Amino acid sequence: MSSHRGQNARDDWQTPPEVLDLVRKVGPIGLDPCTVASNPVKAEYHFTKETDGLWPNWRSSMHIGAIAFVNPPYNKTWYDKIELEMLRETPMIALLMAKPGAKWFQSLAVMSHAVCFWSGRMTFGGAPDPAPFDSALLYHGPHPGRFRAAFAGKGWLV
């Protein structure tokens, strides 16, 4: 789920299945901290707007070897939470708006072990058109090689 202003001002566009298939190549998705009740990511554990994924410790909410996948509403509160979880060494992939000039993006990118700047504009589930912005996937965890292998050819990897 994420906030994609300009696309009917909704904040519940779903991650494209193609992206989720690549995420699963990196590791099993143990946690989706900001999804909807139907849990389209099929994470082992998940939080919805009603159960608020901002407050728990994500790492303690999943088993060893799993990763958190977060496609958050795009706002500072969620960026701060992602940064906190990176400091806690929570393995994760975050799907975010690519804003390399923004301080919040720079902070998260520096803490990441790999980044994929997605080629082209993603069309999120439920959206009639591609997003009006570029996307990036940030990986933080012990297996950056898996991330690079999974996302090779899908964008610019750093």
C-alpha atoms as a PDB file:
ATOM      1  CA  MET A   1       0.000   0.000   0.000  1.00  0.00           C
ATOM      2  CA  SER A   2       1.276   3.488  -0.683  1.00  0.00           C
ATOM      3  CA  SER A   3       0.189   7.015  -1.273  1.00  0.00           C
ATOM      4  CA  HIS A   4       0.287   7.872  -4.945  1.00  0.00           C
ATOM      5  CA  ARG A   5      -1.077  11.377  -5.227  1.00  0.00           C
ATOM      6  CA  GLY A   6      -2.294  12.209  -8.676  1.00  0.00           C
ATOM      7  CA  GLN A   7      -3.949   8.823  -9.085  1.00  0.00           C
ATOM      8  CA  ASN A   8      -7.308   9.640  -7.553  1.00  0.00           C
ATOM      9  CA  ALA A   9      -5.526  10.637  -4.293  1.00  0.00           C
ATOM     10  CA  ARG A  10      -5.778   7.107  -2.871  1.00  0.00           C
ATOM     11  CA  ASP A  11      -3.196   5.563  -0.610  1.00  0.00           C
ATOM     12  CA  ASP A  12      -3.972   1.898  -1.125  1.00  0.00           C
ATOM     13  CA  TRP A  13      -2.501   1.044  -4.514  1.00  0.00           C
ATOM     14  CA  GLN A  14      -1.122  -2.487  -4.415  1.00  0.00           C
ATOM     15  CA  THR A  15       2.369  -3.650  -5.350  1.00  0.00           C
ATOM     16  CA  PRO A  16       2.541  -5.124  -8.868  1.00  0.00           C
ATOM     17  CA  PRO A  17       2.712  -8.956  -8.800  1.00  0.00           C
ATOM     18  CA  GLU A  18       5.896  -8.870 -10.917  1.00  0.00           C
ATOM     19  CA  VAL A  19       7.646  -6.930  -8.146  1.00  0.00           C
ATOM     20  CA  LEU A  20       6.418  -9.310  -5.438  1.00  0.00           C
ATOM     21  CA  ASP A  21       7.718 -12.282  -7.447  1.00  0.00           C
ATOM     22  CA  LEU A  22      11.175 -10.673  -7.435  1.00  0.00           C
ATOM     23  CA  VAL A  23      10.983  -9.867  -3.714  1.00  0.00           C
ATOM     24  CA  ARG A  24      10.204 -13.526  -2.987  1.00  0.00           C
ATOM     25  CA  LYS A  25      13.397 -14.523  -4.840  1.00  0.00           C
ATOM     26  CA  VAL A  26      15.338 -12.577  -2.202  1.00  0.00           C
ATOM     27  CA  GLY A  27      13.616 -14.345   0.692  1.00  0.00           C
ATOM     28  CA  PRO A  28      10.287 -15.301   2.182  1.00  0.00           C
ATOM     29  CA  ILE A  29       8.129 -12.324   3.117  1.00  0.00           C
ATOM     30  CA  GLY A  30       7.706 -12.606   6.851  1.00  0.00           C
ATOM     31  CA  LEU A  31       6.030  -9.253   7.413  1.00  0.00           C
ATOM     32  CA  ASP A  32       4.044  -6.641   5.521  1.00  0.00           C
ATOM     33  CA  PRO A  33       3.615  -3.792   8.015  1.00  0.00           C
ATOM     34  CA  CYS A  34       1.184  -1.721   5.941  1.00  0.00           C
ATOM     35  CA  THR A  35      -1.277  -3.737   3.928  1.00  0.00           C
ATOM     36  CA  VAL A  36      -5.011  -4.305   3.701  1.00  0.00           C
ATOM     37  CA  ALA A  37      -6.988  -7.050   5.428  1.00  0.00           C
ATOM     38  CA  SER A  38      -6.853  -9.322   2.354  1.00  0.00           C
ATOM     39  CA  ASN A  39      -2.998  -9.286   2.618  1.00  0.00           C
ATOM     40  CA  PRO A  40      -2.285  -9.414  -1.147  1.00  0.00           C
ATOM     41  CA  VAL A  41       1.455  -9.696  -0.431  1.00  0.00           C
ATOM     42  CA  LYS A  42       0.745 -12.985   1.354  1.00  0.00           C
ATOM     43  CA  ALA A  43       3.166 -12.167   4.145  1.00  0.00           C
ATOM     44  CA  GLU A  44       3.321 -14.545   7.081  1.00  0.00           C
ATOM     45  CA  TYR A  45       2.403 -11.627   9.378  1.00  0.00           C
ATOM     46  CA  HIS A  46       0.874  -8.317   8.444  1.00  0.00           C
ATOM     47  CA  PHE A  47      -0.498  -5.094   9.842  1.00  0.00           C
ATOM     48  CA  THR A  48      -3.277  -2.978   8.381  1.00  0.00           C
ATOM     49  CA  LYS A  49      -4.245   0.648   8.889  1.00  0.00           C
ATOM     50  CA  GLU A  50      -6.434  -0.585  11.755  1.00  0.00           C
ATOM     51  CA  THR A  51      -3.658  -2.597  13.438  1.00  0.00           C
ATOM     52  CA  ASP A  52      -0.999   0.094  12.801  1.00  0.00           C
ATOM     53  CA  GLY A  53       2.357  -1.250  11.614  1.00  0.00           C
ATOM     54  CA  LEU A  54       4.140   1.852  12.882  1.00  0.00           C
ATOM     55  CA  TRP A  55       4.370   0.808  16.530  1.00  0.00           C
ATOM     56  CA  PRO A  56       5.705  -2.798  16.651  1.00  0.00           C
ATOM     57  CA  ASN A  57       9.302  -3.907  16.305  1.00  0.00           C
ATOM     58  CA  TRP A  58       9.208  -5.452  12.835  1.00  0.00           C
ATOM     59  CA  ARG A  59      12.184  -7.737  13.346  1.00  0.00           C
ATOM     60  CA  SER A  60      10.573  -9.414  16.352  1.00  0.00           C
ATOM     61  CA  SER A  61       7.385  -9.896  14.301  1.00  0.00           C
ATOM     62  CA  MET A  62       8.919 -12.405  11.884  1.00  0.00           C
ATOM     63  CA  HIS A  63      11.007 -15.567  11.879  1.00  0.00           C
ATOM     64  CA  ILE A  64      14.740 -15.706  11.223  1.00  0.00           C
ATOM     65  CA  GLY A  65      15.535 -15.744   7.515  1.00  0.00           C
ATOM     66  CA  ALA A  66      12.423 -13.821   6.503  1.00  0.00           C
ATOM     67  CA  ILE A  67      12.316 -10.254   5.229  1.00  0.00           C
ATOM     68  CA  ALA A  68       9.862  -7.443   5.743  1.00  0.00           C
ATOM     69  CA  PHE A  69       8.376  -5.987   2.593  1.00  0.00           C
ATOM     70  CA  VAL A  70       7.059  -2.455   2.921  1.00  0.00           C
ATOM     71  CA  ASN A  71       5.223  -0.413   0.292  1.00  0.00           C
ATOM     72  CA  PRO A  72       4.197   2.360   2.684  1.00  0.00           C
ATOM     73  CA  PRO A  73       2.082   5.456   2.440  1.00  0.00           C
ATOM     74  CA  TYR A  74       4.594   8.009   1.237  1.00  0.00           C
ATOM     75  CA  ASN A  75       5.107  10.301   4.217  1.00  0.00           C
ATOM     76  CA  LYS A  76       7.768  11.209   6.782  1.00  0.00           C
ATOM     77  CA  THR A  77       6.239   9.082   9.536  1.00  0.00           C
ATOM     78  CA  TRP A  78       6.774   5.930   7.482  1.00  0.00           C
ATOM     79  CA  TYR A  79      10.235   6.989   6.287  1.00  0.00           C
ATOM     80  CA  ASP A  80      11.230   7.504   9.930  1.00  0.00           C
ATOM     81  CA  LYS A  81       9.880   4.044  10.832  1.00  0.00           C
ATOM     82  CA  ILE A  82      11.797   2.420   7.968  1.00  0.00           C
ATOM     83  CA  GLU A  83      14.962   4.163   9.161  1.00  0.00           C
ATOM     84  CA  LEU A  84      14.374   2.964  12.740  1.00  0.00           C
ATOM     85  CA  GLU A  85      13.901  -0.608  11.531  1.00  0.00           C
ATOM     86  CA  MET A  86      17.098  -0.395   9.474  1.00  0.00           C
ATOM     87  CA  LEU A  87      18.908   0.723  12.632  1.00  0.00           C
ATOM     88  CA  ARG A  88      17.444  -2.361  14.349  1.00  0.00           C
ATOM     89  CA  GLU A  89      18.942  -4.444  11.495  1.00  0.00           C
ATOM     90  CA  THR A  90      15.528  -5.602  10.281  1.00  0.00           C
ATOM     91  CA  PRO A  91      16.002  -7.307   6.910  1.00  0.00           C
ATOM     92  CA  MET A  92      13.691  -5.571   4.461  1.00  0.00           C
ATOM     93  CA  ILE A  93      12.842  -4.382   1.006  1.00  0.00           C
ATOM     94  CA  ALA A  94      11.111  -1.005   0.839  1.00  0.00           C
ATOM     95  CA  LEU A  95       9.303   0.100  -2.307  1.00  0.00           C
ATOM     96  CA  LEU A  96       9.455   3.887  -2.359  1.00  0.00           C
ATOM     97  CA  MET A  97       9.096   6.871  -4.604  1.00  0.00           C
ATOM     98  CA  ALA A  98      12.547   7.472  -6.151  1.00  0.00           C
ATOM     99  CA  LYS A  99      13.560  10.905  -4.864  1.00  0.00           C
ATOM    100  CA  PRO A 100      17.384  10.874  -4.774  1.00  0.00           C
ATOM    101  CA  GLY A 101      17.497  14.620  -4.063  1.00  0.00           C
ATOM    102  CA  ALA A 102      15.319  14.331  -0.938  1.00  0.00           C
ATOM    103  CA  LYS A 103      17.058  14.112   2.444  1.00  0.00           C
ATOM    104  CA  TRP A 104      14.790  11.268   3.610  1.00  0.00           C
ATOM    105  CA  PHE A 105      15.636   9.238   0.489  1.00  0.00           C
ATOM    106  CA  GLN A 106      19.370   9.897   0.814  1.00  0.00           C
ATOM    107  CA  SER A 107      19.284   8.804   4.455  1.00  0.00           C
ATOM    108  CA  LEU A 108      17.502   5.535   3.637  1.00  0.00           C
ATOM    109  CA  ALA A 109      19.608   4.846   0.536  1.00  0.00           C
ATOM    110  CA  VAL A 110      22.874   5.277   2.486  1.00  0.00           C
ATOM    111  CA  MET A 111      21.643   2.769   5.080  1.00  0.00           C
ATOM    112  CA  SER A 112      20.609   0.274   2.383  1.00  0.00           C
ATOM    113  CA  HIS A 113      22.839  -2.529   1.176  1.00  0.00           C
ATOM    114  CA  ALA A 114      21.490  -2.312  -2.393  1.00  0.00           C
ATOM    115  CA  VAL A 115      19.059  -0.138  -4.347  1.00  0.00           C
ATOM    116  CA  CYS A 116      17.189  -0.786  -7.581  1.00  0.00           C
ATOM    117  CA  PHE A 117      15.930   2.290  -9.430  1.00  0.00           C
ATOM    118  CA  TRP A 118      13.077   0.647 -11.368  1.00  0.00           C
ATOM    119  CA  SER A 119      13.093   1.166 -15.141  1.00  0.00           C
ATOM    120  CA  GLY A 120       9.927   2.903 -16.271  1.00  0.00           C
ATOM    121  CA  ARG A 121       6.915   3.845 -14.231  1.00  0.00           C
ATOM    122  CA  MET A 122       5.188   1.091 -12.257  1.00  0.00           C
ATOM    123  CA  THR A 123       1.504   0.442 -12.681  1.00  0.00           C
ATOM    124  CA  PHE A 124       0.280  -0.390  -9.201  1.00  0.00           C
ATOM    125  CA  GLY A 125      -2.588  -2.834  -8.651  1.00  0.00           C
ATOM    126  CA  GLY A 126      -5.914  -1.040  -8.866  1.00  0.00           C
ATOM    127  CA  ALA A 127      -4.409   1.981 -10.641  1.00  0.00           C
ATOM    128  CA  PRO A 128      -5.705   2.859 -14.110  1.00  0.00           C
ATOM    129  CA  ASP A 129      -2.341   4.265 -15.265  1.00  0.00           C
ATOM    130  CA  PRO A 130       1.342   4.092 -14.399  1.00  0.00           C
ATOM    131  CA  ALA A 131       2.416   6.088 -11.349  1.00  0.00           C
ATOM    132  CA  PRO A 132       3.320   9.734 -12.012  1.00  0.00           C
ATOM    133  CA  PHE A 133       6.758   9.174 -10.420  1.00  0.00           C
ATOM    134  CA  ASP A 134       9.717   6.818 -10.590  1.00  0.00           C
ATOM    135  CA  SER A 135      10.124   4.038  -8.033  1.00  0.00           C
ATOM    136  CA  ALA A 136      13.049   2.523  -6.163  1.00  0.00           C
ATOM    137  CA  LEU A 137      13.395  -0.625  -4.103  1.00  0.00           C
ATOM    138  CA  LEU A 138      15.792  -0.375  -1.173  1.00  0.00           C
ATOM    139  CA  TYR A 139      17.268  -3.527   0.312  1.00  0.00           C
ATOM    140  CA  HIS A 140      18.628  -3.709   3.843  1.00  0.00           C
ATOM    141  CA  GLY A 141      19.811  -7.115   4.967  1.00  0.00           C
ATOM    142  CA  PRO A 142      22.461  -9.827   4.903  1.00  0.00           C
ATOM    143  CA  HIS A 143      22.008 -10.959   1.278  1.00  0.00           C
ATOM    144  CA  PRO A 144      22.489  -8.017  -1.119  1.00  0.00           C
ATOM    145  CA  GLY A 145      23.724 -10.460  -3.762  1.00  0.00           C
ATOM    146  CA  ARG A 146      20.315 -12.168  -3.794  1.00  0.00           C
ATOM    147  CA  PHE A 147      18.644  -8.796  -4.203  1.00  0.00           C
ATOM    148  CA  ARG A 148      20.956  -7.817  -7.068  1.00  0.00           C
ATOM    149  CA  ALA A 149      20.415 -11.172  -8.797  1.00  0.00           C
ATOM    150  CA  ALA A 150      16.630 -10.973  -8.435  1.00  0.00           C
ATOM    151  CA  PHE A 151      16.381  -7.389  -9.681  1.00  0.00           C
ATOM    152  CA  ALA A 152      19.061  -7.587 -12.403  1.00  0.00           C
ATOM    153  CA  GLY A 153      17.668  -6.199 -15.633  1.00  0.00           C
ATOM    154  CA  LYS A 154      14.761  -4.450 -13.891  1.00  0.00           C
ATOM    155  CA  GLY A 155      16.511  -1.154 -13.343  1.00  0.00           C
ATOM    156  CA  TRP A 156      19.693   0.572 -12.299  1.00  0.00           C
ATOM    157  CA  LEU A 157      21.305  -1.303  -9.391  1.00  0.00           C
ATOM    158  CA  VAL A 158      23.553   0.453  -6.897  1.00  0.00           C
END
